[in-house]
């Protein structure tokens, strides 16, 4: 979910219904593999 943040308020821009180009930075700070998560969810796992 993409927001614009201005003067302490946020506004919805759009939703990207996919993996983002920049997902590696989230993987680095969470220690998770988001592609592995995608495959697990597709297999019906929690």
ModelCIF file with pLDDT and N, C-alpha, C, O atoms, coordinates in Angstrom:
data_MODEL
#
_entry.id   MODEL 
#
_entity.id                         1 
_entity.type                       polymer 
_entity.pdbx_number_of_molecules   1 
#
_entity_poly.entity_id                      1 
_entity_poly.type                           'polypeptide(L)' 
_entity_poly.nstd_linkage                   no 
_entity_poly.nstd_monomer                   no 
_entity_poly.pdbx_seq_one_letter_code       
;(UNK)(UNK)(UNK)(UNK)(UNK)(UNK)(UNK)(UNK)(UNK)(UNK)(UNK)(UNK)(UNK)(UNK)(UNK)(UNK)
(UNK)(UNK)(UNK)(UNK)(UNK)(UNK)(UNK)(UNK)(UNK)(UNK)(UNK)(UNK)(UNK)(UNK)(UNK)(UNK)
(UNK)(UNK)(UNK)(UNK)(UNK)(UNK)(UNK)(UNK)(UNK)(UNK)(UNK)(UNK)(UNK)(UNK)
;
_entity_poly.pdbx_seq_one_letter_code_can   XXXXXXXXXXXXXXXXXXXXXXXXXXXXXXXXXXXXXXXXXXXXXX 
_entity_poly.pdbx_strand_id                 A 
#
loop_
_entity_poly_seq.entity_id 
_entity_poly_seq.num 
_entity_poly_seq.mon_id 
_entity_poly_seq.hetero 
1 1  UNK n 
1 2  UNK n 
1 3  UNK n 
1 4  UNK n 
1 5  UNK n 
1 6  UNK n 
1 7  UNK n 
1 8  UNK n 
1 9  UNK n 
1 10 UNK n 
1 11 UNK n 
1 12 UNK n 
1 13 UNK n 
1 14 UNK n 
1 15 UNK n 
1 16 UNK n 
1 17 UNK n 
1 18 UNK n 
1 19 UNK n 
1 20 UNK n 
1 21 UNK n 
1 22 UNK n 
1 23 UNK n 
1 24 UNK n 
1 25 UNK n 
1 26 UNK n 
1 27 UNK n 
1 28 UNK n 
1 29 UNK n 
1 30 UNK n 
1 31 UNK n 
1 32 UNK n 
1 33 UNK n 
1 34 UNK n 
1 35 UNK n 
1 36 UNK n 
1 37 UNK n 
1 38 UNK n 
1 39 UNK n 
1 40 UNK n 
1 41 UNK n 
1 42 UNK n 
1 43 UNK n 
1 44 UNK n 
1 45 UNK n 
1 46 UNK n 
#
_struct_asym.id          A 
_struct_asym.entity_id   1 
#
loop_
_ma_qa_metric.id 
_ma_qa_metric.mode 
_ma_qa_metric.name 
_ma_qa_metric.software_group_id 
_ma_qa_metric.type 
1 global pLDDT . pLDDT 
2 local  pLDDT . pLDDT 
#
_ma_qa_metric_global.metric_id      1 
_ma_qa_metric_global.metric_value   95.76 
_ma_qa_metric_global.model_id       1 
_ma_qa_metric_global.ordinal_id     1 
#
loop_
_ma_qa_metric_local.label_asym_id 
_ma_qa_metric_local.label_comp_id 
_ma_qa_metric_local.label_seq_id 
_ma_qa_metric_local.metric_id 
_ma_qa_metric_local.metric_value 
_ma_qa_metric_local.model_id 
_ma_qa_metric_local.ordinal_id 
A UNK 1  2 95.00 1 1  
A UNK 2  2 95.00 1 2  
A UNK 3  2 95.00 1 3  
A UNK 4  2 95.00 1 4  
A UNK 5  2 96.00 1 5  
A UNK 6  2 92.00 1 6  
A UNK 7  2 88.00 1 7  
A UNK 8  2 91.00 1 8  
A UNK 9  2 91.00 1 9  
A UNK 10 2 95.00 1 10 
A UNK 11 2 93.00 1 11 
A UNK 12 2 93.00 1 12 
A UNK 13 2 88.00 1 13 
A UNK 14 2 88.00 1 14 
A UNK 15 2 92.00 1 15 
A UNK 16 2 94.00 1 16 
A UNK 17 2 95.00 1 17 
A UNK 18 2 97.00 1 18 
A UNK 19 2 97.00 1 19 
A UNK 20 2 97.00 1 20 
A UNK 21 2 97.00 1 21 
A UNK 22 2 98.00 1 22 
A UNK 23 2 98.00 1 23 
A UNK 24 2 98.00 1 24 
A UNK 25 2 98.00 1 25 
A UNK 26 2 98.00 1 26 
A UNK 27 2 98.00 1 27 
A UNK 28 2 98.00 1 28 
A UNK 29 2 98.00 1 29 
A UNK 30 2 98.00 1 30 
A UNK 31 2 98.00 1 31 
A UNK 32 2 98.00 1 32 
A UNK 33 2 98.00 1 33 
A UNK 34 2 98.00 1 34 
A UNK 35 2 98.00 1 35 
A UNK 36 2 98.00 1 36 
A UNK 37 2 98.00 1 37 
A UNK 38 2 98.00 1 38 
A UNK 39 2 98.00 1 39 
A UNK 40 2 97.00 1 40 
A UNK 41 2 97.00 1 41 
A UNK 42 2 97.00 1 42 
A UNK 43 2 97.00 1 43 
A UNK 44 2 96.00 1 44 
A UNK 45 2 96.00 1 45 
A UNK 46 2 97.00 1 46 
#
loop_
_atom_site.group_PDB 
_atom_site.id 
_atom_site.type_symbol 
_atom_site.label_atom_id 
_atom_site.label_alt_id 
_atom_site.label_comp_id 
_atom_site.label_asym_id 
_atom_site.label_entity_id 
_atom_site.label_seq_id 
_atom_site.pdbx_PDB_ins_code 
_atom_site.Cartn_x 
_atom_site.Cartn_y 
_atom_site.Cartn_z 
_atom_site.occupancy 
_atom_site.B_iso_or_equiv 
_atom_site.pdbx_formal_charge 
_atom_site.auth_seq_id 
_atom_site.auth_comp_id 
_atom_site.auth_asym_id 
_atom_site.auth_atom_id 
_atom_site.pdbx_PDB_model_num 
ATOM 1   N N  . UNK A 1 1  ? 0.870  -1.178  0.000  1.00 95.00 ? 1  UNK A N  1 
ATOM 2   C CA . UNK A 1 1  ? 0.000  0.000   0.000  1.00 95.00 ? 1  UNK A CA 1 
ATOM 3   C C  . UNK A 1 1  ? 0.905  1.226   0.000  1.00 95.00 ? 1  UNK A C  1 
ATOM 4   O O  . UNK A 1 1  ? 1.736  1.395   0.892  1.00 95.00 ? 1  UNK A O  1 
ATOM 5   N N  . UNK A 1 2  ? 0.739  2.073   -0.999 1.00 95.00 ? 2  UNK A N  1 
ATOM 6   C CA . UNK A 1 2  ? 1.583  3.254   -1.151 1.00 95.00 ? 2  UNK A CA 1 
ATOM 7   C C  . UNK A 1 2  ? 0.841  4.490   -0.659 1.00 95.00 ? 2  UNK A C  1 
ATOM 8   O O  . UNK A 1 2  ? -0.309 4.737   -1.024 1.00 95.00 ? 2  UNK A O  1 
ATOM 9   N N  . UNK A 1 3  ? 1.536  5.264   0.186  1.00 95.00 ? 3  UNK A N  1 
ATOM 10  C CA . UNK A 1 3  ? 0.973  6.494   0.741  1.00 95.00 ? 3  UNK A CA 1 
ATOM 11  C C  . UNK A 1 3  ? 1.856  7.681   0.372  1.00 95.00 ? 3  UNK A C  1 
ATOM 12  O O  . UNK A 1 3  ? 3.059  7.534   0.161  1.00 95.00 ? 3  UNK A O  1 
ATOM 13  N N  . UNK A 1 4  ? 1.246  8.848   0.299  1.00 95.00 ? 4  UNK A N  1 
ATOM 14  C CA . UNK A 1 4  ? 1.978  10.103  0.305  1.00 95.00 ? 4  UNK A CA 1 
ATOM 15  C C  . UNK A 1 4  ? 1.919  10.656  1.716  1.00 95.00 ? 4  UNK A C  1 
ATOM 16  O O  . UNK A 1 4  ? 0.844  10.739  2.310  1.00 95.00 ? 4  UNK A O  1 
ATOM 17  N N  . UNK A 1 5  ? 3.059  11.032  2.249  1.00 96.00 ? 5  UNK A N  1 
ATOM 18  C CA . UNK A 1 5  ? 3.152  11.546  3.614  1.00 96.00 ? 5  UNK A CA 1 
ATOM 19  C C  . UNK A 1 5  ? 3.551  13.013  3.541  1.00 96.00 ? 5  UNK A C  1 
ATOM 20  O O  . UNK A 1 5  ? 4.600  13.348  2.991  1.00 96.00 ? 5  UNK A O  1 
ATOM 21  N N  . UNK A 1 6  ? 2.710  13.894  4.098  1.00 92.00 ? 6  UNK A N  1 
ATOM 22  C CA . UNK A 1 6  ? 2.966  15.336  4.012  1.00 92.00 ? 6  UNK A CA 1 
ATOM 23  C C  . UNK A 1 6  ? 2.457  16.011  5.277  1.00 92.00 ? 6  UNK A C  1 
ATOM 24  O O  . UNK A 1 6  ? 1.281  15.900  5.621  1.00 92.00 ? 6  UNK A O  1 
ATOM 25  N N  . UNK A 1 7  ? 3.353  16.714  5.967  1.00 88.00 ? 7  UNK A N  1 
ATOM 26  C CA . UNK A 1 7  ? 2.989  17.469  7.176  1.00 88.00 ? 7  UNK A CA 1 
ATOM 27  C C  . UNK A 1 7  ? 2.275  16.598  8.209  1.00 88.00 ? 7  UNK A C  1 
ATOM 28  O O  . UNK A 1 7  ? 1.295  17.024  8.820  1.00 88.00 ? 7  UNK A O  1 
ATOM 29  N N  . UNK A 1 8  ? 2.768  15.390  8.397  1.00 91.00 ? 8  UNK A N  1 
ATOM 30  C CA . UNK A 1 8  ? 2.220  14.518  9.423  1.00 91.00 ? 8  UNK A CA 1 
ATOM 31  C C  . UNK A 1 8  ? 0.936  13.808  9.046  1.00 91.00 ? 8  UNK A C  1 
ATOM 32  O O  . UNK A 1 8  ? 0.381  13.077  9.866  1.00 91.00 ? 8  UNK A O  1 
ATOM 33  N N  . UNK A 1 9  ? 0.442  14.001  7.816  1.00 91.00 ? 9  UNK A N  1 
ATOM 34  C CA . UNK A 1 9  ? -0.766 13.319  7.352  1.00 91.00 ? 9  UNK A CA 1 
ATOM 35  C C  . UNK A 1 9  ? -0.418 12.401  6.193  1.00 91.00 ? 9  UNK A C  1 
ATOM 36  O O  . UNK A 1 9  ? 0.477  12.704  5.404  1.00 91.00 ? 9  UNK A O  1 
ATOM 37  N N  . UNK A 1 10 ? -1.127 11.272  6.088  1.00 95.00 ? 10 UNK A N  1 
ATOM 38  C CA . UNK A 1 10 ? -0.855 10.361  4.982  1.00 95.00 ? 10 UNK A CA 1 
ATOM 39  C C  . UNK A 1 10 ? -2.099 10.188  4.117  1.00 95.00 ? 10 UNK A C  1 
ATOM 40  O O  . UNK A 1 10 ? -3.230 10.245  4.600  1.00 95.00 ? 10 UNK A O  1 
ATOM 41  N N  . UNK A 1 11 ? -1.858 9.976   2.826  1.00 93.00 ? 11 UNK A N  1 
ATOM 42  C CA . UNK A 1 11 ? -2.932 9.843   1.847  1.00 93.00 ? 11 UNK A CA 1 
ATOM 43  C C  . UNK A 1 11 ? -2.670 8.614   0.981  1.00 93.00 ? 11 UNK A C  1 
ATOM 44  O O  . UNK A 1 11 ? -1.547 8.389   0.530  1.00 93.00 ? 11 UNK A O  1 
ATOM 45  N N  . UNK A 1 12 ? -3.709 7.829   0.758  1.00 93.00 ? 12 UNK A N  1 
ATOM 46  C CA . UNK A 1 12 ? -3.592 6.639   -0.088 1.00 93.00 ? 12 UNK A CA 1 
ATOM 47  C C  . UNK A 1 12 ? -3.305 7.043   -1.530 1.00 93.00 ? 12 UNK A C  1 
ATOM 48  O O  . UNK A 1 12 ? -3.972 7.918   -2.082 1.00 93.00 ? 12 UNK A O  1 
ATOM 49  N N  . UNK A 1 13 ? -2.311 6.402   -2.133 1.00 88.00 ? 13 UNK A N  1 
ATOM 50  C CA . UNK A 1 13 ? -2.028 6.583   -3.555 1.00 88.00 ? 13 UNK A CA 1 
ATOM 51  C C  . UNK A 1 13 ? -2.547 5.413   -4.366 1.00 88.00 ? 13 UNK A C  1 
ATOM 52  O O  . UNK A 1 13 ? -3.388 5.573   -5.250 1.00 88.00 ? 13 UNK A O  1 
ATOM 53  N N  . UNK A 1 14 ? -2.025 4.214   -4.045 1.00 88.00 ? 14 UNK A N  1 
ATOM 54  C CA . UNK A 1 14 ? -2.398 3.037   -4.808 1.00 88.00 ? 14 UNK A CA 1 
ATOM 55  C C  . UNK A 1 14 ? -1.932 1.795   -4.076 1.00 88.00 ? 14 UNK A C  1 
ATOM 56  O O  . UNK A 1 14 ? -1.163 1.860   -3.117 1.00 88.00 ? 14 UNK A O  1 
ATOM 57  N N  . UNK A 1 15 ? -2.423 0.657   -4.558 1.00 92.00 ? 15 UNK A N  1 
ATOM 58  C CA . UNK A 1 15 ? -1.950 -0.623  -4.041 1.00 92.00 ? 15 UNK A CA 1 
ATOM 59  C C  . UNK A 1 15 ? -1.297 -1.391  -5.178 1.00 92.00 ? 15 UNK A C  1 
ATOM 60  O O  . UNK A 1 15 ? -1.854 -1.489  -6.272 1.00 92.00 ? 15 UNK A O  1 
ATOM 61  N N  . UNK A 1 16 ? -0.116 -1.934  -4.918 1.00 94.00 ? 16 UNK A N  1 
ATOM 62  C CA . UNK A 1 16 ? 0.546  -2.820  -5.871 1.00 94.00 ? 16 UNK A CA 1 
ATOM 63  C C  . UNK A 1 16 ? 0.267  -4.252  -5.437 1.00 94.00 ? 16 UNK A C  1 
ATOM 64  O O  . UNK A 1 16 ? 0.722  -4.687  -4.379 1.00 94.00 ? 16 UNK A O  1 
ATOM 65  N N  . UNK A 1 17 ? -0.477 -4.977  -6.252 1.00 95.00 ? 17 UNK A N  1 
ATOM 66  C CA . UNK A 1 17 ? -0.930 -6.321  -5.886 1.00 95.00 ? 17 UNK A CA 1 
ATOM 67  C C  . UNK A 1 17 ? 0.084  -7.373  -6.341 1.00 95.00 ? 17 UNK A C  1 
ATOM 68  O O  . UNK A 1 17 ? -0.255 -8.314  -7.059 1.00 95.00 ? 17 UNK A O  1 
ATOM 69  N N  . UNK A 1 18 ? 1.321  -7.195  -5.911 1.00 97.00 ? 18 UNK A N  1 
ATOM 70  C CA . UNK A 1 18 ? 2.421  -8.058  -6.348 1.00 97.00 ? 18 UNK A CA 1 
ATOM 71  C C  . UNK A 1 18 ? 3.608  -7.836  -5.429 1.00 97.00 ? 18 UNK A C  1 
ATOM 72  O O  . UNK A 1 18 ? 3.545  -7.045  -4.487 1.00 97.00 ? 18 UNK A O  1 
ATOM 73  N N  . UNK A 1 19 ? 4.674  -8.535  -5.711 1.00 97.00 ? 19 UNK A N  1 
ATOM 74  C CA . UNK A 1 19 ? 5.949  -8.287  -5.044 1.00 97.00 ? 19 UNK A CA 1 
ATOM 75  C C  . UNK A 1 19 ? 6.560  -7.018  -5.629 1.00 97.00 ? 19 UNK A C  1 
ATOM 76  O O  . UNK A 1 19 ? 6.516  -6.813  -6.842 1.00 97.00 ? 19 UNK A O  1 
ATOM 77  N N  . UNK A 1 20 ? 7.124  -6.170  -4.784 1.00 97.00 ? 20 UNK A N  1 
ATOM 78  C CA . UNK A 1 20 ? 7.712  -4.925  -5.253 1.00 97.00 ? 20 UNK A CA 1 
ATOM 79  C C  . UNK A 1 20 ? 9.178  -5.103  -5.654 1.00 97.00 ? 20 UNK A C  1 
ATOM 80  O O  . UNK A 1 20 ? 9.864  -6.001  -5.166 1.00 97.00 ? 20 UNK A O  1 
ATOM 81  N N  . UNK A 1 21 ? 9.638  -4.240  -6.540 1.00 97.00 ? 21 UNK A N  1 
ATOM 82  C CA . UNK A 1 21 ? 11.053 -4.236  -6.913 1.00 97.00 ? 21 UNK A CA 1 
ATOM 83  C C  . UNK A 1 21 ? 11.927 -4.097  -5.670 1.00 97.00 ? 21 UNK A C  1 
ATOM 84  O O  . UNK A 1 21 ? 12.967 -4.745  -5.556 1.00 97.00 ? 21 UNK A O  1 
ATOM 85  N N  . UNK A 1 22 ? 11.498 -3.251  -4.745 1.00 98.00 ? 22 UNK A N  1 
ATOM 86  C CA . UNK A 1 22 ? 12.324 -2.922  -3.586 1.00 98.00 ? 22 UNK A CA 1 
ATOM 87  C C  . UNK A 1 22 ? 12.121 -3.862  -2.397 1.00 98.00 ? 22 UNK A C  1 
ATOM 88  O O  . UNK A 1 22 ? 12.499 -3.515  -1.278 1.00 98.00 ? 22 UNK A O  1 
ATOM 89  N N  . UNK A 1 23 ? 11.533 -5.041  -2.610 1.00 98.00 ? 23 UNK A N  1 
ATOM 90  C CA . UNK A 1 23 ? 11.289 -5.953  -1.489 1.00 98.00 ? 23 UNK A CA 1 
ATOM 91  C C  . UNK A 1 23 ? 12.567 -6.387  -0.762 1.00 98.00 ? 23 UNK A C  1 
ATOM 92  O O  . UNK A 1 23 ? 12.474 -6.748  0.411  1.00 98.00 ? 23 UNK A O  1 
ATOM 93  N N  . UNK A 1 24 ? 13.773 -6.374  -1.393 1.00 98.00 ? 24 UNK A N  1 
ATOM 94  C CA . UNK A 1 24 ? 14.960 -6.812  -0.639 1.00 98.00 ? 24 UNK A CA 1 
ATOM 95  C C  . UNK A 1 24 ? 15.248 -6.008  0.621  1.00 98.00 ? 24 UNK A C  1 
ATOM 96  O O  . UNK A 1 24 ? 15.767 -6.569  1.586  1.00 98.00 ? 24 UNK A O  1 
ATOM 97  N N  . UNK A 1 25 ? 14.932 -4.708  0.652  1.00 98.00 ? 25 UNK A N  1 
ATOM 98  C CA . UNK A 1 25 ? 15.239 -3.948  1.872  1.00 98.00 ? 25 UNK A CA 1 
ATOM 99  C C  . UNK A 1 25 ? 14.371 -4.424  3.031  1.00 98.00 ? 25 UNK A C  1 
ATOM 100 O O  . UNK A 1 25 ? 14.815 -4.427  4.179  1.00 98.00 ? 25 UNK A O  1 
ATOM 101 N N  . UNK A 1 26 ? 13.133 -4.826  2.736  1.00 98.00 ? 26 UNK A N  1 
ATOM 102 C CA . UNK A 1 26 ? 12.273 -5.389  3.778  1.00 98.00 ? 26 UNK A CA 1 
ATOM 103 C C  . UNK A 1 26 ? 12.804 -6.745  4.223  1.00 98.00 ? 26 UNK A C  1 
ATOM 104 O O  . UNK A 1 26 ? 12.766 -7.069  5.410  1.00 98.00 ? 26 UNK A O  1 
ATOM 105 N N  . UNK A 1 27 ? 13.302 -7.540  3.275  1.00 98.00 ? 27 UNK A N  1 
ATOM 106 C CA . UNK A 1 27 ? 13.886 -8.830  3.640  1.00 98.00 ? 27 UNK A CA 1 
ATOM 107 C C  . UNK A 1 27 ? 15.088 -8.646  4.549  1.00 98.00 ? 27 UNK A C  1 
ATOM 108 O O  . UNK A 1 27 ? 15.285 -9.419  5.486  1.00 98.00 ? 27 UNK A O  1 
ATOM 109 N N  . UNK A 1 28 ? 15.894 -7.622  4.276  1.00 98.00 ? 28 UNK A N  1 
ATOM 110 C CA . UNK A 1 28 ? 17.094 -7.394  5.086  1.00 98.00 ? 28 UNK A CA 1 
ATOM 111 C C  . UNK A 1 28 ? 16.756 -7.044  6.521  1.00 98.00 ? 28 UNK A C  1 
ATOM 112 O O  . UNK A 1 28 ? 17.387 -7.558  7.445  1.00 98.00 ? 28 UNK A O  1 
ATOM 113 N N  . UNK A 1 29 ? 15.771 -6.177  6.728  1.00 98.00 ? 29 UNK A N  1 
ATOM 114 C CA . UNK A 1 29 ? 15.487 -5.711  8.090  1.00 98.00 ? 29 UNK A CA 1 
ATOM 115 C C  . UNK A 1 29 ? 14.572 -6.665  8.854  1.00 98.00 ? 29 UNK A C  1 
ATOM 116 O O  . UNK A 1 29 ? 14.505 -6.592  10.081 1.00 98.00 ? 29 UNK A O  1 
ATOM 117 N N  . UNK A 1 30 ? 13.859 -7.563  8.154  1.00 98.00 ? 30 UNK A N  1 
ATOM 118 C CA . UNK A 1 30 ? 13.009 -8.531  8.843  1.00 98.00 ? 30 UNK A CA 1 
ATOM 119 C C  . UNK A 1 30 ? 13.656 -9.910  8.939  1.00 98.00 ? 30 UNK A C  1 
ATOM 120 O O  . UNK A 1 30 ? 13.242 -10.738 9.751  1.00 98.00 ? 30 UNK A O  1 
ATOM 121 N N  . UNK A 1 31 ? 14.677 -10.157 8.105  1.00 98.00 ? 31 UNK A N  1 
ATOM 122 C CA . UNK A 1 31 ? 15.297 -11.475 8.084  1.00 98.00 ? 31 UNK A CA 1 
ATOM 123 C C  . UNK A 1 31 ? 14.427 -12.532 7.436  1.00 98.00 ? 31 UNK A C  1 
ATOM 124 O O  . UNK A 1 31 ? 14.645 -13.724 7.654  1.00 98.00 ? 31 UNK A O  1 
ATOM 125 N N  . UNK A 1 32 ? 13.438 -12.124 6.637  1.00 98.00 ? 32 UNK A N  1 
ATOM 126 C CA . UNK A 1 32 ? 12.509 -13.050 6.007  1.00 98.00 ? 32 UNK A CA 1 
ATOM 127 C C  . UNK A 1 32 ? 12.728 -13.098 4.493  1.00 98.00 ? 32 UNK A C  1 
ATOM 128 O O  . UNK A 1 32 ? 13.241 -12.145 3.907  1.00 98.00 ? 32 UNK A O  1 
ATOM 129 N N  . UNK A 1 33 ? 12.340 -14.202 3.866  1.00 98.00 ? 33 UNK A N  1 
ATOM 130 C CA . UNK A 1 33 ? 12.388 -14.385 2.422  1.00 98.00 ? 33 UNK A CA 1 
ATOM 131 C C  . UNK A 1 33 ? 10.956 -14.241 1.905  1.00 98.00 ? 33 UNK A C  1 
ATOM 132 O O  . UNK A 1 33 ? 10.143 -15.150 2.071  1.00 98.00 ? 33 UNK A O  1 
ATOM 133 N N  . UNK A 1 34 ? 10.650 -13.121 1.290  1.00 98.00 ? 34 UNK A N  1 
ATOM 134 C CA . UNK A 1 34 ? 9.271  -12.852 0.891  1.00 98.00 ? 34 UNK A CA 1 
ATOM 135 C C  . UNK A 1 34 ? 8.814  -13.732 -0.264 1.00 98.00 ? 34 UNK A C  1 
ATOM 136 O O  . UNK A 1 34 ? 7.621  -14.013 -0.378 1.00 98.00 ? 34 UNK A O  1 
ATOM 137 N N  . UNK A 1 35 ? 9.719  -14.173 -1.119 1.00 98.00 ? 35 UNK A N  1 
ATOM 138 C CA . UNK A 1 35 ? 9.334  -15.103 -2.178 1.00 98.00 ? 35 UNK A CA 1 
ATOM 139 C C  . UNK A 1 35 ? 8.943  -16.448 -1.560 1.00 98.00 ? 35 UNK A C  1 
ATOM 140 O O  . UNK A 1 35 ? 7.980  -17.077 -1.999 1.00 98.00 ? 35 UNK A O  1 
ATOM 141 N N  . UNK A 1 36 ? 9.682  -16.886 -0.550 1.00 98.00 ? 36 UNK A N  1 
ATOM 142 C CA . UNK A 1 36 ? 9.322  -18.122 0.158  1.00 98.00 ? 36 UNK A CA 1 
ATOM 143 C C  . UNK A 1 36 ? 7.957  -17.981 0.816  1.00 98.00 ? 36 UNK A C  1 
ATOM 144 O O  . UNK A 1 36 ? 7.170  -18.928 0.826  1.00 98.00 ? 36 UNK A O  1 
ATOM 145 N N  . UNK A 1 37 ? 7.671  -16.803 1.366  1.00 98.00 ? 37 UNK A N  1 
ATOM 146 C CA . UNK A 1 37 ? 6.345  -16.546 1.943  1.00 98.00 ? 37 UNK A CA 1 
ATOM 147 C C  . UNK A 1 37 ? 5.270  -16.671 0.871  1.00 98.00 ? 37 UNK A C  1 
ATOM 148 O O  . UNK A 1 37 ? 4.225  -17.279 1.104  1.00 98.00 ? 37 UNK A O  1 
ATOM 149 N N  . UNK A 1 38 ? 5.527  -16.090 -0.316 1.00 98.00 ? 38 UNK A N  1 
ATOM 150 C CA . UNK A 1 38 ? 4.542  -16.165 -1.393 1.00 98.00 ? 38 UNK A CA 1 
ATOM 151 C C  . UNK A 1 38 ? 4.229  -17.615 -1.753 1.00 98.00 ? 38 UNK A C  1 
ATOM 152 O O  . UNK A 1 38 ? 3.066  -17.983 -1.919 1.00 98.00 ? 38 UNK A O  1 
ATOM 153 N N  . UNK A 1 39 ? 5.260  -18.425 -1.870 1.00 98.00 ? 39 UNK A N  1 
ATOM 154 C CA . UNK A 1 39 ? 5.066  -19.823 -2.244 1.00 98.00 ? 39 UNK A CA 1 
ATOM 155 C C  . UNK A 1 39 ? 4.330  -20.588 -1.146 1.00 98.00 ? 39 UNK A C  1 
ATOM 156 O O  . UNK A 1 39 ? 3.494  -21.443 -1.436 1.00 98.00 ? 39 UNK A O  1 
ATOM 157 N N  . UNK A 1 40 ? 4.639  -20.281 0.107  1.00 97.00 ? 40 UNK A N  1 
ATOM 158 C CA . UNK A 1 40 ? 3.960  -20.948 1.221  1.00 97.00 ? 40 UNK A CA 1 
ATOM 159 C C  . UNK A 1 40 ? 2.472  -20.600 1.249  1.00 97.00 ? 40 UNK A C  1 
ATOM 160 O O  . UNK A 1 40 ? 1.630  -21.478 1.436  1.00 97.00 ? 40 UNK A O  1 
ATOM 161 N N  . UNK A 1 41 ? 2.152  -19.326 1.063  1.00 97.00 ? 41 UNK A N  1 
ATOM 162 C CA . UNK A 1 41 ? 0.754  -18.895 1.046  1.00 97.00 ? 41 UNK A CA 1 
ATOM 163 C C  . UNK A 1 41 ? 0.002  -19.566 -0.098 1.00 97.00 ? 41 UNK A C  1 
ATOM 164 O O  . UNK A 1 41 ? -1.151 -19.968 0.063  1.00 97.00 ? 41 UNK A O  1 
ATOM 165 N N  . UNK A 1 42 ? 0.659  -19.689 -1.262 1.00 97.00 ? 42 UNK A N  1 
ATOM 166 C CA . UNK A 1 42 ? 0.023  -20.331 -2.413 1.00 97.00 ? 42 UNK A CA 1 
ATOM 167 C C  . UNK A 1 42 ? -0.238 -21.814 -2.157 1.00 97.00 ? 42 UNK A C  1 
ATOM 168 O O  . UNK A 1 42 ? -1.127 -22.402 -2.772 1.00 97.00 ? 42 UNK A O  1 
ATOM 169 N N  . UNK A 1 43 ? 0.530  -22.418 -1.256 1.00 97.00 ? 43 UNK A N  1 
ATOM 170 C CA . UNK A 1 43 ? 0.321  -23.813 -0.888 1.00 97.00 ? 43 UNK A CA 1 
ATOM 171 C C  . UNK A 1 43 ? -0.725 -23.975 0.208  1.00 97.00 ? 43 UNK A C  1 
ATOM 172 O O  . UNK A 1 43 ? -0.980 -25.088 0.669  1.00 97.00 ? 43 UNK A O  1 
ATOM 173 N N  . UNK A 1 44 ? -1.336 -22.856 0.628  1.00 96.00 ? 44 UNK A N  1 
ATOM 174 C CA . UNK A 1 44 ? -2.375 -22.915 1.646  1.00 96.00 ? 44 UNK A CA 1 
ATOM 175 C C  . UNK A 1 44 ? -1.868 -22.867 3.065  1.00 96.00 ? 44 UNK A C  1 
ATOM 176 O O  . UNK A 1 44 ? -2.646 -23.071 3.996  1.00 96.00 ? 44 UNK A O  1 
ATOM 177 N N  . UNK A 1 45 ? -0.593 -22.604 3.265  1.00 96.00 ? 45 UNK A N  1 
ATOM 178 C CA . UNK A 1 45 ? -0.007 -22.559 4.603  1.00 96.00 ? 45 UNK A CA 1 
ATOM 179 C C  . UNK A 1 45 ? -0.297 -21.213 5.264  1.00 96.00 ? 45 UNK A C  1 
ATOM 180 O O  . UNK A 1 45 ? -0.539 -20.224 4.573  1.00 96.00 ? 45 UNK A O  1 
ATOM 181 N N  . UNK A 1 46 ? -0.276 -21.169 6.598  1.00 97.00 ? 46 UNK A N  1 
ATOM 182 C CA . UNK A 1 46 ? -0.458 -19.888 7.287  1.00 97.00 ? 46 UNK A CA 1 
ATOM 183 C C  . UNK A 1 46 ? 0.793  -19.021 7.183  1.00 97.00 ? 46 UNK A C  1 
ATOM 184 O O  . UNK A 1 46 ? 0.818  -17.907 7.705  1.00 97.00 ? 46 UNK A O  1 
#
